[in-house]
Amino acid sequence: MNPHIKIYTLSTCSHCKSTKRLLDEYSIKYEFADVDLLSGAERQAVIEEVKRFNPDCSFPTIIIGDKVIIGFKEQEIRKALGL
């Protein structure tokens, strides 16, 4: 069974785009939120959610199952996905 994957990103972030590209390359399904494109209460709620995993609220914040990876760390992401 594949782990649930969620990534918190910014639409203008090159490392965020690299993360999405890596997952897309292997046809891995994931949820994502481009935090900078959200507004109001929804944006604030997502920022609080990110801070639970990453108090610095930096991007990308990647959750693979119960593992949290901060930033585009390709080898760490591949290992967490079993690639």
N, C-alpha and C. Protein backbone atom coordinates (compact mmCIF):
# COMPACT_ATOMS: atom_id res chain seq x y z
N MET A 1 0.84 -1.19 0.00
CA MET A 1 0.00 0.00 0.00
C MET A 1 0.88 1.25 0.00
N ASN A 2 0.57 2.18 -0.85
CA ASN A 2 1.34 3.41 -0.95
C ASN A 2 0.97 4.36 0.19
N PRO A 3 1.95 5.06 0.74
CA PRO A 3 1.65 6.01 1.82
C PRO A 3 0.91 7.23 1.28
N HIS A 4 0.13 7.86 2.15
CA HIS A 4 -0.53 9.11 1.79
C HIS A 4 0.54 10.19 1.69
N ILE A 5 0.47 11.00 0.64
CA ILE A 5 1.48 12.05 0.42
C ILE A 5 0.77 13.39 0.30
N LYS A 6 1.25 14.35 1.07
CA LYS A 6 0.74 15.72 0.97
C LYS A 6 1.94 16.65 0.97
N ILE A 7 1.92 17.62 0.07
CA ILE A 7 3.00 18.60 0.05
C ILE A 7 2.40 20.00 0.13
N TYR A 8 3.06 20.81 0.92
CA TYR A 8 2.70 22.21 1.08
C TYR A 8 3.74 23.00 0.30
N THR A 9 3.27 23.83 -0.62
CA THR A 9 4.17 24.49 -1.57
C THR A 9 3.80 25.96 -1.74
N LEU A 10 4.66 26.65 -2.46
CA LEU A 10 4.38 27.99 -2.96
C LEU A 10 4.41 27.91 -4.48
N SER A 11 3.53 28.61 -5.14
CA SER A 11 3.43 28.51 -6.61
C SER A 11 4.68 29.02 -7.31
N THR A 12 5.46 29.86 -6.66
CA THR A 12 6.65 30.46 -7.28
C THR A 12 7.96 29.79 -6.87
N CYS A 13 7.88 28.74 -6.07
CA CYS A 13 9.06 28.10 -5.47
C CYS A 13 9.65 27.03 -6.41
N SER A 14 10.90 27.20 -6.81
CA SER A 14 11.53 26.23 -7.73
C SER A 14 11.72 24.87 -7.07
N HIS A 15 12.03 24.83 -5.78
CA HIS A 15 12.19 23.55 -5.09
C HIS A 15 10.85 22.82 -4.98
N CYS A 16 9.78 23.58 -4.82
CA CYS A 16 8.44 23.00 -4.78
C CYS A 16 8.10 22.37 -6.14
N LYS A 17 8.44 23.08 -7.21
CA LYS A 17 8.19 22.56 -8.56
C LYS A 17 9.01 21.30 -8.81
N SER A 18 10.24 21.26 -8.31
CA SER A 18 11.08 20.07 -8.47
C SER A 18 10.48 18.88 -7.73
N THR A 19 9.90 19.14 -6.56
CA THR A 19 9.26 18.07 -5.79
C THR A 19 8.09 17.50 -6.56
N LYS A 20 7.23 18.36 -7.08
CA LYS A 20 6.07 17.91 -7.86
C LYS A 20 6.52 17.15 -9.10
N ARG A 21 7.56 17.65 -9.76
CA ARG A 21 8.07 17.01 -10.98
C ARG A 21 8.57 15.60 -10.67
N LEU A 22 9.28 15.44 -9.55
CA LEU A 22 9.79 14.12 -9.17
C LEU A 22 8.63 13.15 -8.94
N LEU A 23 7.62 13.57 -8.21
CA LEU A 23 6.47 12.70 -7.95
C LEU A 23 5.72 12.39 -9.24
N ASP A 24 5.56 13.39 -10.10
CA ASP A 24 4.88 13.18 -11.38
C ASP A 24 5.65 12.22 -12.28
N GLU A 25 6.98 12.30 -12.22
CA GLU A 25 7.83 11.44 -13.04
C GLU A 25 7.55 9.96 -12.77
N TYR A 26 7.21 9.64 -11.52
CA TYR A 26 6.93 8.26 -11.14
C TYR A 26 5.43 7.99 -11.03
N SER A 27 4.61 8.92 -11.52
CA SER A 27 3.14 8.80 -11.48
C SER A 27 2.64 8.53 -10.06
N ILE A 28 3.25 9.20 -9.10
CA ILE A 28 2.86 9.04 -7.70
C ILE A 28 1.77 10.05 -7.39
N LYS A 29 0.67 9.56 -6.82
CA LYS A 29 -0.45 10.44 -6.48
C LYS A 29 -0.13 11.18 -5.18
N TYR A 30 -0.49 12.45 -5.16
CA TYR A 30 -0.25 13.27 -3.98
C TYR A 30 -1.25 14.41 -3.93
N GLU A 31 -1.46 14.92 -2.74
CA GLU A 31 -2.24 16.13 -2.55
C GLU A 31 -1.26 17.27 -2.37
N PHE A 32 -1.64 18.46 -2.79
CA PHE A 32 -0.77 19.61 -2.54
C PHE A 32 -1.62 20.85 -2.30
N ALA A 33 -1.00 21.79 -1.61
CA ALA A 33 -1.63 23.09 -1.40
C ALA A 33 -0.59 24.16 -1.72
N ASP A 34 -0.88 24.99 -2.72
CA ASP A 34 -0.05 26.16 -3.00
C ASP A 34 -0.50 27.24 -2.02
N VAL A 35 0.20 27.35 -0.91
CA VAL A 35 -0.24 28.20 0.19
C VAL A 35 -0.38 29.66 -0.22
N ASP A 36 0.49 30.14 -1.09
CA ASP A 36 0.43 31.55 -1.50
C ASP A 36 -0.80 31.87 -2.36
N LEU A 37 -1.46 30.86 -2.89
CA LEU A 37 -2.65 31.10 -3.71
C LEU A 37 -3.94 31.03 -2.90
N LEU A 38 -3.83 30.65 -1.64
CA LEU A 38 -4.99 30.61 -0.75
C LEU A 38 -5.20 31.99 -0.15
N SER A 39 -6.38 32.21 0.41
CA SER A 39 -6.63 33.51 1.04
C SER A 39 -7.48 33.34 2.30
N GLY A 40 -7.45 34.38 3.10
CA GLY A 40 -8.32 34.45 4.27
C GLY A 40 -8.13 33.31 5.26
N ALA A 41 -9.26 32.84 5.78
CA ALA A 41 -9.26 31.81 6.81
C ALA A 41 -8.65 30.50 6.31
N GLU A 42 -8.90 30.18 5.03
CA GLU A 42 -8.34 28.94 4.48
C GLU A 42 -6.81 29.00 4.51
N ARG A 43 -6.25 30.11 4.09
CA ARG A 43 -4.79 30.27 4.09
C ARG A 43 -4.24 30.16 5.51
N GLN A 44 -4.87 30.83 6.46
CA GLN A 44 -4.40 30.80 7.84
C GLN A 44 -4.48 29.38 8.40
N ALA A 45 -5.54 28.66 8.10
CA ALA A 45 -5.69 27.28 8.58
C ALA A 45 -4.59 26.39 8.02
N VAL A 46 -4.27 26.55 6.75
CA VAL A 46 -3.23 25.73 6.13
C VAL A 46 -1.86 26.09 6.70
N ILE A 47 -1.60 27.36 6.94
CA ILE A 47 -0.32 27.77 7.54
C ILE A 47 -0.17 27.14 8.93
N GLU A 48 -1.25 27.13 9.71
CA GLU A 48 -1.19 26.49 11.03
C GLU A 48 -0.93 24.99 10.90
N GLU A 49 -1.52 24.37 9.88
CA GLU A 49 -1.29 22.95 9.61
C GLU A 49 0.19 22.70 9.27
N VAL A 50 0.76 23.55 8.42
CA VAL A 50 2.18 23.42 8.06
C VAL A 50 3.04 23.54 9.31
N LYS A 51 2.74 24.50 10.17
CA LYS A 51 3.54 24.74 11.37
C LYS A 51 3.53 23.55 12.33
N ARG A 52 2.49 22.72 12.29
CA ARG A 52 2.47 21.50 13.10
C ARG A 52 3.61 20.57 12.70
N PHE A 53 3.90 20.53 11.41
CA PHE A 53 4.96 19.66 10.89
C PHE A 53 6.30 20.37 10.80
N ASN A 54 6.26 21.67 10.57
CA ASN A 54 7.46 22.46 10.28
C ASN A 54 7.28 23.85 10.89
N PRO A 55 7.72 24.02 12.15
CA PRO A 55 7.52 25.30 12.84
C PRO A 55 8.07 26.52 12.10
N ASP A 56 9.09 26.33 11.26
CA ASP A 56 9.64 27.44 10.48
C ASP A 56 8.77 27.82 9.29
N CYS A 57 7.82 26.95 8.96
CA CYS A 57 6.88 27.20 7.85
C CYS A 57 7.62 27.50 6.55
N SER A 58 8.61 26.65 6.24
CA SER A 58 9.36 26.79 4.99
C SER A 58 8.82 25.78 3.97
N PHE A 59 9.17 26.00 2.72
CA PHE A 59 8.58 25.21 1.64
C PHE A 59 9.64 24.64 0.72
N PRO A 60 9.37 23.47 0.14
CA PRO A 60 8.20 22.63 0.38
C PRO A 60 8.30 21.90 1.71
N THR A 61 7.14 21.64 2.29
CA THR A 61 7.01 20.74 3.43
C THR A 61 6.29 19.52 2.88
N ILE A 62 6.95 18.37 2.99
CA ILE A 62 6.47 17.14 2.36
C ILE A 62 6.14 16.13 3.44
N ILE A 63 4.93 15.57 3.41
CA ILE A 63 4.54 14.53 4.35
C ILE A 63 4.31 13.26 3.54
N ILE A 64 5.10 12.24 3.85
CA ILE A 64 4.97 10.93 3.18
C ILE A 64 4.67 9.94 4.29
N GLY A 65 3.40 9.52 4.38
CA GLY A 65 3.01 8.67 5.50
C GLY A 65 3.19 9.44 6.80
N ASP A 66 4.04 8.93 7.69
CA ASP A 66 4.31 9.63 8.95
C ASP A 66 5.67 10.32 8.95
N LYS A 67 6.30 10.40 7.78
CA LYS A 67 7.62 11.04 7.65
C LYS A 67 7.45 12.45 7.10
N VAL A 68 8.17 13.39 7.71
CA VAL A 68 8.14 14.79 7.26
C VAL A 68 9.51 15.14 6.69
N ILE A 69 9.52 15.68 5.48
CA ILE A 69 10.76 16.13 4.82
C ILE A 69 10.59 17.62 4.53
N ILE A 70 11.56 18.39 4.98
CA ILE A 70 11.53 19.84 4.76
C ILE A 70 12.51 20.17 3.64
N GLY A 71 12.00 20.76 2.57
CA GLY A 71 12.85 21.12 1.45
C GLY A 71 12.92 20.00 0.42
N PHE A 72 13.46 20.32 -0.75
CA PHE A 72 13.60 19.33 -1.81
C PHE A 72 14.89 18.55 -1.58
N LYS A 73 14.76 17.43 -0.88
CA LYS A 73 15.89 16.53 -0.61
C LYS A 73 15.61 15.25 -1.39
N GLU A 74 16.05 15.25 -2.63
CA GLU A 74 15.66 14.20 -3.57
C GLU A 74 15.93 12.80 -3.05
N GLN A 75 17.12 12.56 -2.53
CA GLN A 75 17.45 11.20 -2.06
C GLN A 75 16.57 10.79 -0.89
N GLU A 76 16.30 11.72 0.01
CA GLU A 76 15.44 11.43 1.16
C GLU A 76 14.01 11.14 0.71
N ILE A 77 13.54 11.88 -0.27
CA ILE A 77 12.19 11.66 -0.82
C ILE A 77 12.13 10.29 -1.49
N ARG A 78 13.13 9.99 -2.32
CA ARG A 78 13.17 8.69 -3.00
C ARG A 78 13.17 7.55 -1.99
N LYS A 79 13.97 7.68 -0.94
CA LYS A 79 14.05 6.63 0.09
C LYS A 79 12.70 6.45 0.77
N ALA A 80 12.04 7.55 1.13
CA ALA A 80 10.74 7.47 1.80
C ALA A 80 9.69 6.82 0.90
N LEU A 81 9.86 6.96 -0.41
CA LEU A 81 8.92 6.38 -1.37
C LEU A 81 9.32 4.98 -1.82
N GLY A 82 10.50 4.53 -1.40
CA GLY A 82 10.98 3.21 -1.81
C GLY A 82 11.41 3.17 -3.26
N LEU A 83 11.92 4.28 -3.79
CA LEU A 83 12.36 4.34 -5.20
C LEU A 83 13.84 4.07 -5.32
